[in-house]
Amino acid sequence: MTDIDKLEALERRIAALEEMLTHQAHTLDEVSDQLHLAEQARETLARKQKALLARVQEVEDTSPGGAPSLQDEKPPHY
């Protein structure tokens, strides 16, 4: 194998590595974007859950005659 052949083989390997790196960088960007969207959805759900719990607490606090807590109430099938 001549020096020119070795140099061409190295150039092909470098080009293949550069292509692989480009694909991996693209995949990493896609994963990062999906993770960001998932975090936004989690934060939205957490805010909604907090608001819902506050509303349930408000209903329990204003229920007439000291009605039992919704957490203590048994489901209808019991």
PDB file of N, CA and C in Angstrom:
ATOM      1  N   MET A   1       0.858  -1.173   0.000  1.00  0.00           N
ATOM      2  CA  MET A   1       0.000   0.000   0.000  1.00  0.00           C
ATOM      3  C   MET A   1       0.901   1.233   0.000  1.00  0.00           C
ATOM      4  N   THR A   2       0.657   2.097  -0.954  1.00  0.00           N
ATOM      5  CA  THR A   2       1.492   3.295  -1.073  1.00  0.00           C
ATOM      6  C   THR A   2       1.029   4.365  -0.101  1.00  0.00           C
ATOM      7  N   ASP A   3       1.843   5.381   0.032  1.00  0.00           N
ATOM      8  CA  ASP A   3       1.492   6.492   0.923  1.00  0.00           C
ATOM      9  C   ASP A   3       0.219   7.191   0.451  1.00  0.00           C
ATOM     10  N   ILE A   4       0.021   7.288  -0.833  1.00  0.00           N
ATOM     11  CA  ILE A   4      -1.180   7.927  -1.388  1.00  0.00           C
ATOM     12  C   ILE A   4      -2.414   7.101  -1.031  1.00  0.00           C
ATOM     13  N   ASP A   5      -2.294   5.776  -1.136  1.00  0.00           N
ATOM     14  CA  ASP A   5      -3.414   4.904  -0.767  1.00  0.00           C
ATOM     15  C   ASP A   5      -3.744   5.034   0.718  1.00  0.00           C
ATOM     16  N   LYS A   6      -2.701   5.101   1.533  1.00  0.00           N
ATOM     17  CA  LYS A   6      -2.919   5.257   2.969  1.00  0.00           C
ATOM     18  C   LYS A   6      -3.599   6.588   3.273  1.00  0.00           C
ATOM     19  N   LEU A   7      -3.162   7.639   2.599  1.00  0.00           N
ATOM     20  CA  LEU A   7      -3.739   8.963   2.804  1.00  0.00           C
ATOM     21  C   LEU A   7      -5.210   8.983   2.368  1.00  0.00           C
ATOM     22  N   GLU A   8      -5.507   8.373   1.247  1.00  0.00           N
ATOM     23  CA  GLU A   8      -6.897   8.309   0.780  1.00  0.00           C
ATOM     24  C   GLU A   8      -7.767   7.498   1.738  1.00  0.00           C
ATOM     25  N   ALA A   9      -7.234   6.411   2.281  1.00  0.00           N
ATOM     26  CA  ALA A   9      -7.975   5.599   3.241  1.00  0.00           C
ATOM     27  C   ALA A   9      -8.260   6.414   4.505  1.00  0.00           C
ATOM     28  N   LEU A  10      -7.263   7.161   4.964  1.00  0.00           N
ATOM     29  CA  LEU A  10      -7.462   8.015   6.135  1.00  0.00           C
ATOM     30  C   LEU A  10      -8.510   9.100   5.856  1.00  0.00           C
ATOM     31  N   GLU A  11      -8.476   9.678   4.673  1.00  0.00           N
ATOM     32  CA  GLU A  11      -9.455  10.705   4.308  1.00  0.00           C
ATOM     33  C   GLU A  11     -10.864  10.129   4.297  1.00  0.00           C
ATOM     34  N   ARG A  12     -11.023   8.896   3.791  1.00  0.00           N
ATOM     35  CA  ARG A  12     -12.338   8.248   3.788  1.00  0.00           C
ATOM     36  C   ARG A  12     -12.816   7.993   5.213  1.00  0.00           C
ATOM     37  N   ARG A  13     -11.899   7.534   6.069  1.00  0.00           N
ATOM     38  CA  ARG A  13     -12.261   7.282   7.479  1.00  0.00           C
ATOM     39  C   ARG A  13     -12.663   8.575   8.178  1.00  0.00           C
ATOM     40  N   ILE A  14     -11.919   9.643   7.923  1.00  0.00           N
ATOM     41  CA  ILE A  14     -12.253  10.938   8.532  1.00  0.00           C
ATOM     42  C   ILE A  14     -13.604  11.424   8.033  1.00  0.00           C
ATOM     43  N   ALA A  15     -13.864  11.273   6.744  1.00  0.00           N
ATOM     44  CA  ALA A  15     -15.154  11.688   6.186  1.00  0.00           C
ATOM     45  C   ALA A  15     -16.285  10.872   6.805  1.00  0.00           C
ATOM     46  N   ALA A  16     -16.073   9.580   6.991  1.00  0.00           N
ATOM     47  CA  ALA A  16     -17.099   8.732   7.612  1.00  0.00           C
ATOM     48  C   ALA A  16     -17.341   9.155   9.063  1.00  0.00           C
ATOM     49  N   LEU A  17     -16.263   9.456   9.770  1.00  0.00           N
ATOM     50  CA  LEU A  17     -16.402   9.909  11.155  1.00  0.00           C
ATOM     51  C   LEU A  17     -17.130  11.255  11.237  1.00  0.00           C
ATOM     52  N   GLU A  18     -16.817  12.156  10.325  1.00  0.00           N
ATOM     53  CA  GLU A  18     -17.501  13.450  10.297  1.00  0.00           C
ATOM     54  C   GLU A  18     -18.991  13.277  10.020  1.00  0.00           C
ATOM     55  N   GLU A  19     -19.318  12.372   9.105  1.00  0.00           N
ATOM     56  CA  GLU A  19     -20.725  12.113   8.794  1.00  0.00           C
ATOM     57  C   GLU A  19     -21.445  11.522  10.010  1.00  0.00           C
ATOM     58  N   MET A  20     -20.787  10.579  10.688  1.00  0.00           N
ATOM     59  CA  MET A  20     -21.376   9.970  11.879  1.00  0.00           C
ATOM     60  C   MET A  20     -21.583  11.033  12.960  1.00  0.00           C
ATOM     61  N   LEU A  21     -20.614  11.898  13.150  1.00  0.00           N
ATOM     62  CA  LEU A  21     -20.711  12.956  14.146  1.00  0.00           C
ATOM     63  C   LEU A  21     -21.867  13.904  13.816  1.00  0.00           C
ATOM     64  N   THR A  22     -22.048  14.212  12.563  1.00  0.00           N
ATOM     65  CA  THR A  22     -23.150  15.087  12.148  1.00  0.00           C
ATOM     66  C   THR A  22     -24.494  14.441  12.462  1.00  0.00           C
ATOM     67  N   HIS A  23     -24.629  13.161  12.173  1.00  0.00           N
ATOM     68  CA  HIS A  23     -25.879  12.452  12.473  1.00  0.00           C
ATOM     69  C   HIS A  23     -26.127  12.397  13.979  1.00  0.00           C
ATOM     70  N   GLN A  24     -25.087  12.157  14.751  1.00  0.00           N
ATOM     71  CA  GLN A  24     -25.239  12.096  16.203  1.00  0.00           C
ATOM     72  C   GLN A  24     -25.612  13.462  16.774  1.00  0.00           C
ATOM     73  N   ALA A  25     -25.027  14.523  16.245  1.00  0.00           N
ATOM     74  CA  ALA A  25     -25.363  15.872  16.703  1.00  0.00           C
ATOM     75  C   ALA A  25     -26.823  16.185  16.389  1.00  0.00           C
ATOM     76  N   HIS A  26     -27.279  15.777  15.214  1.00  0.00           N
ATOM     77  CA  HIS A  26     -28.680  15.989  14.824  1.00  0.00           C
ATOM     78  C   HIS A  26     -29.612  15.207  15.752  1.00  0.00           C
ATOM     79  N   THR A  27     -29.269  13.969  16.035  1.00  0.00           N
ATOM     80  CA  THR A  27     -30.083  13.140  16.935  1.00  0.00           C
ATOM     81  C   THR A  27     -30.106  13.742  18.332  1.00  0.00           C
ATOM     82  N   LEU A  28     -28.975  14.216  18.804  1.00  0.00           N
ATOM     83  CA  LEU A  28     -28.907  14.835  20.120  1.00  0.00           C
ATOM     84  C   LEU A  28     -29.780  16.089  20.187  1.00  0.00           C
ATOM     85  N   ASP A  29     -29.795  16.875  19.133  1.00  0.00           N
ATOM     86  CA  ASP A  29     -30.667  18.045  19.081  1.00  0.00           C
ATOM     87  C   ASP A  29     -32.138  17.642  19.137  1.00  0.00           C
ATOM     88  N   GLU A  30     -32.500  16.581  18.419  1.00  0.00           N
ATOM     89  CA  GLU A  30     -33.889  16.104  18.445  1.00  0.00           C
ATOM     90  C   GLU A  30     -34.277  15.621  19.843  1.00  0.00           C
ATOM     91  N   VAL A  31     -33.395  14.879  20.500  1.00  0.00           N
ATOM     92  CA  VAL A  31     -33.667  14.387  21.856  1.00  0.00           C
ATOM     93  C   VAL A  31     -33.810  15.571  22.811  1.00  0.00           C
ATOM     94  N   SER A  32     -32.947  16.548  22.665  1.00  0.00           N
ATOM     95  CA  SER A  32     -33.010  17.732  23.515  1.00  0.00           C
ATOM     96  C   SER A  32     -34.333  18.464  23.331  1.00  0.00           C
ATOM     97  N   ASP A  33     -34.781  18.607  22.099  1.00  0.00           N
ATOM     98  CA  ASP A  33     -36.071  19.259  21.828  1.00  0.00           C
ATOM     99  C   ASP A  33     -37.220  18.480  22.453  1.00  0.00           C
ATOM    100  N   GLN A  34     -37.205  17.167  22.335  1.00  0.00           N
ATOM    101  CA  GLN A  34     -38.268  16.346  22.916  1.00  0.00           C
ATOM    102  C   GLN A  34     -38.247  16.417  24.442  1.00  0.00           C
ATOM    103  N   LEU A  35     -37.064  16.452  25.015  1.00  0.00           N
ATOM    104  CA  LEU A  35     -36.950  16.575  26.465  1.00  0.00           C
ATOM    105  C   LEU A  35     -37.509  17.917  26.931  1.00  0.00           C
ATOM    106  N   HIS A  36     -37.243  18.967  26.185  1.00  0.00           N
ATOM    107  CA  HIS A  36     -37.776  20.292  26.514  1.00  0.00           C
ATOM    108  C   HIS A  36     -39.301  20.280  26.462  1.00  0.00           C
ATOM    109  N   LEU A  37     -39.873  19.673  25.432  1.00  0.00           N
ATOM    110  CA  LEU A  37     -41.329  19.580  25.324  1.00  0.00           C
ATOM    111  C   LEU A  37     -41.915  18.762  26.465  1.00  0.00           C
ATOM    112  N   ALA A  38     -41.252  17.680  26.837  1.00  0.00           N
ATOM    113  CA  ALA A  38     -41.738  16.848  27.933  1.00  0.00           C
ATOM    114  C   ALA A  38     -41.693  17.619  29.250  1.00  0.00           C
ATOM    115  N   GLU A  39     -40.660  18.398  29.462  1.00  0.00           N
ATOM    116  CA  GLU A  39     -40.556  19.197  30.682  1.00  0.00           C
ATOM    117  C   GLU A  39     -41.647  20.261  30.731  1.00  0.00           C
ATOM    118  N   GLN A  40     -41.932  20.885  29.600  1.00  0.00           N
ATOM    119  CA  GLN A  40     -43.017  21.862  29.549  1.00  0.00           C
ATOM    120  C   GLN A  40     -44.352  21.198  29.881  1.00  0.00           C
ATOM    121  N   ALA A  41     -44.598  20.018  29.338  1.00  0.00           N
ATOM    122  CA  ALA A  41     -45.845  19.298  29.611  1.00  0.00           C
ATOM    123  C   ALA A  41     -45.916  18.922  31.086  1.00  0.00           C
ATOM    124  N   ARG A  42     -44.810  18.487  31.666  1.00  0.00           N
ATOM    125  CA  ARG A  42     -44.785  18.137  33.082  1.00  0.00           C
ATOM    126  C   ARG A  42     -45.099  19.352  33.948  1.00  0.00           C
ATOM    127  N   GLU A  43     -44.511  20.495  33.608  1.00  0.00           N
ATOM    128  CA  GLU A  43     -44.771  21.717  34.371  1.00  0.00           C
ATOM    129  C   GLU A  43     -46.234  22.134  34.254  1.00  0.00           C
ATOM    130  N   THR A  44     -46.807  22.010  33.069  1.00  0.00           N
ATOM    131  CA  THR A  44     -48.224  22.343  32.874  1.00  0.00           C
ATOM    132  C   THR A  44     -49.096  21.429  33.712  1.00  0.00           C
ATOM    133  N   LEU A  45     -48.814  20.140  33.690  1.00  0.00           N
ATOM    134  CA  LEU A  45     -49.598  19.198  34.496  1.00  0.00           C
ATOM    135  C   LEU A  45     -49.448  19.476  35.989  1.00  0.00           C
ATOM    136  N   ALA A  46     -48.261  19.835  36.415  1.00  0.00           N
ATOM    137  CA  ALA A  46     -48.043  20.135  37.834  1.00  0.00           C
ATOM    138  C   ALA A  46     -48.846  21.369  38.247  1.00  0.00           C
ATOM    139  N   ARG A  47     -48.869  22.395  37.393  1.00  0.00           N
ATOM    140  CA  ARG A  47     -49.666  23.594  37.697  1.00  0.00           C
ATOM    141  C   ARG A  47     -51.154  23.262  37.757  1.00  0.00           C
ATOM    142  N   LYS A  48     -51.632  22.457  36.804  1.00  0.00           N
ATOM    143  CA  LYS A  48     -53.044  22.081  36.792  1.00  0.00           C
ATOM    144  C   LYS A  48     -53.402  21.238  38.018  1.00  0.00           C
ATOM    145  N   GLN A  49     -52.505  20.333  38.402  1.00  0.00           N
ATOM    146  CA  GLN A  49     -52.751  19.510  39.579  1.00  0.00           C
ATOM    147  C   GLN A  49     -52.828  20.384  40.826  1.00  0.00           C
ATOM    148  N   LYS A  50     -51.930  21.338  40.939  1.00  0.00           N
ATOM    149  CA  LYS A  50     -51.935  22.233  42.097  1.00  0.00           C
ATOM    150  C   LYS A  50     -53.235  23.028  42.148  1.00  0.00           C
ATOM    151  N   ALA A  51     -53.679  23.538  41.000  1.00  0.00           N
ATOM    152  CA  ALA A  51     -54.929  24.300  40.951  1.00  0.00           C
ATOM    153  C   ALA A  51     -56.116  23.408  41.311  1.00  0.00           C
ATOM    154  N   LEU A  52     -56.097  22.183  40.831  1.00  0.00           N
ATOM    155  CA  LEU A  52     -57.180  21.248  41.119  1.00  0.00           C
ATOM    156  C   LEU A  52     -57.221  20.895  42.603  1.00  0.00           C
ATOM    157  N   LEU A  53     -56.076  20.656  43.192  1.00  0.00           N
ATOM    158  CA  LEU A  53     -56.026  20.362  44.625  1.00  0.00           C
ATOM    159  C   LEU A  53     -56.499  21.557  45.447  1.00  0.00           C
ATOM    160  N   ALA A  54     -56.140  22.755  45.016  1.00  0.00           N
ATOM    161  CA  ALA A  54     -56.604  23.956  45.719  1.00  0.00           C
ATOM    162  C   ALA A  54     -58.118  24.071  45.611  1.00  0.00           C
ATOM    163  N   ARG A  55     -58.666  23.757  44.454  1.00  0.00           N
ATOM    164  CA  ARG A  55     -60.119  23.821  44.265  1.00  0.00           C
ATOM    165  C   ARG A  55     -60.827  22.777  45.124  1.00  0.00           C
ATOM    166  N   VAL A  56     -60.291  21.576  45.201  1.00  0.00           N
ATOM    167  CA  VAL A  56     -60.882  20.528  46.040  1.00  0.00           C
ATOM    168  C   VAL A  56     -60.844  20.964  47.502  1.00  0.00           C
ATOM    169  N   GLN A  57     -59.721  21.534  47.919  1.00  0.00           N
ATOM    170  CA  GLN A  57     -59.613  22.005  49.295  1.00  0.00           C
ATOM    171  C   GLN A  57     -60.625  23.105  49.568  1.00  0.00           C
ATOM    172  N   GLU A  58     -60.806  23.983  48.597  1.00  0.00           N
ATOM    173  CA  GLU A  58     -61.789  25.066  48.731  1.00  0.00           C
ATOM    174  C   GLU A  58     -63.195  24.506  48.872  1.00  0.00           C
ATOM    175  N   VAL A  59     -63.534  23.507  48.080  1.00  0.00           N
ATOM    176  CA  VAL A  59     -64.862  22.892  48.156  1.00  0.00           C
ATOM    177  C   VAL A  59     -65.034  22.214  49.511  1.00  0.00           C
ATOM    178  N   GLU A  60     -64.016  21.518  49.972  1.00  0.00           N
ATOM    179  CA  GLU A  60     -64.103  20.859  51.277  1.00  0.00           C
ATOM    180  C   GLU A  60     -64.263  21.877  52.401  1.00  0.00           C
ATOM    181  N   ASP A  61     -63.550  22.993  52.297  1.00  0.00           N
ATOM    182  CA  ASP A  61     -63.606  24.011  53.348  1.00  0.00           C
ATOM    183  C   ASP A  61     -64.957  24.708  53.400  1.00  0.00           C
ATOM    184  N   THR A  62     -65.630  24.812  52.275  1.00  0.00           N
ATOM    185  CA  THR A  62     -66.903  25.542  52.234  1.00  0.00           C
ATOM    186  C   THR A  62     -68.112  24.620  52.252  1.00  0.00           C
ATOM    187  N   SER A  63     -67.906  23.337  52.409  1.00  0.00           N
ATOM    188  CA  SER A  63     -69.051  22.419  52.413  1.00  0.00           C
ATOM    189  C   SER A  63     -69.850  22.606  53.705  1.00  0.00           C
ATOM    190  N   PRO A  64     -71.184  22.603  53.588  1.00  0.00           N
ATOM    191  CA  PRO A  64     -72.033  22.873  54.752  1.00  0.00           C
ATOM    192  C   PRO A  64     -72.037  21.706  55.734  1.00  0.00           C
ATOM    193  N   GLY A  65     -72.183  22.030  57.015  1.00  0.00           N
ATOM    194  CA  GLY A  65     -72.372  21.014  58.031  1.00  0.00           C
ATOM    195  C   GLY A  65     -71.184  20.119  58.266  1.00  0.00           C
ATOM    196  N   GLY A  66     -69.994  20.571  57.917  1.00  0.00           N
ATOM    197  CA  GLY A  66     -68.809  19.752  58.160  1.00  0.00           C
ATOM    198  C   GLY A  66     -68.848  18.423  57.449  1.00  0.00           C
ATOM    199  N   ALA A  67     -69.190  18.448  56.168  1.00  0.00           N
ATOM    200  CA  ALA A  67     -69.239  17.220  55.373  1.00  0.00           C
ATOM    201  C   ALA A  67     -67.875  16.538  55.409  1.00  0.00           C
ATOM    202  N   PRO A  68     -67.850  15.218  55.315  1.00  0.00           N
ATOM    203  CA  PRO A  68     -66.566  14.512  55.364  1.00  0.00           C
ATOM    204  C   PRO A  68     -65.676  14.898  54.185  1.00  0.00           C
ATOM    205  N   SER A  69     -64.404  14.799  54.413  1.00  0.00           N
ATOM    206  CA  SER A  69     -63.430  15.111  53.370  1.00  0.00           C
ATOM    207  C   SER A  69     -63.621  14.167  52.182  1.00  0.00           C
ATOM    208  N   LEU A  70     -63.376  14.693  51.010  1.00  0.00           N
ATOM    209  CA  LEU A  70     -63.481  13.849  49.808  1.00  0.00           C
ATOM    210  C   LEU A  70     -62.455  12.721  49.853  1.00  0.00           C
ATOM    211  N   GLN A  71     -61.344  12.945  50.533  1.00  0.00           N
ATOM    212  CA  GLN A  71     -60.334  11.898  50.641  1.00  0.00           C
ATOM    213  C   GLN A  71     -60.812  10.776  51.551  1.00  0.00           C
ATOM    214  N   ASP A  72     -61.650  11.100  52.526  1.00  0.00           N
ATOM    215  CA  ASP A  72     -62.137  10.098  53.473  1.00  0.00           C
ATOM    216  C   ASP A  72     -63.401   9.392  52.971  1.00  0.00           C
ATOM    217  N   GLU A  73     -64.028   9.958  51.956  1.00  0.00           N
ATOM    218  CA  GLU A  73     -65.287   9.396  51.453  1.00  0.00           C
ATOM    219  C   GLU A  73     -65.018   8.114  50.689  1.00  0.00           C
ATOM    220  N   LYS A  74     -65.839   7.098  50.969  1.00  0.00           N
ATOM    221  CA  LYS A  74     -65.671   5.816  50.280  1.00  0.00           C
ATOM    222  C   LYS A  74     -66.332   5.884  48.899  1.00  0.00           C
ATOM    223  N   PRO A  75     -65.758   5.220  47.926  1.00  0.00           N
ATOM    224  CA  PRO A  75     -66.377   5.185  46.597  1.00  0.00           C
ATOM    225  C   PRO A  75     -67.744   4.491  46.675  1.00  0.00           C
ATOM    226  N   PRO A  76     -68.652   4.748  45.734  1.00  0.00           N
ATOM    227  CA  PRO A  76     -69.997   4.217  45.787  1.00  0.00           C
ATOM    228  C   PRO A  76     -70.085   2.692  45.738  1.00  0.00           C
ATOM    229  N   HIS A  77     -69.092   2.008  45.263  1.00  0.00           N
ATOM    230  CA  HIS A  77     -69.179   0.563  45.143  1.00  0.00           C
ATOM    231  C   HIS A  77     -68.841  -0.158  46.444  1.00  0.00           C
ATOM    232  N   TYR A  78     -68.525   0.568  47.534  1.00  0.00           N
ATOM    233  CA  TYR A  78     -68.239  -0.069  48.827  1.00  0.00           C
ATOM    234  C   TYR A  78     -69.491  -0.245  49.627  1.00  0.00           C
TER     235      TYR A  78
END
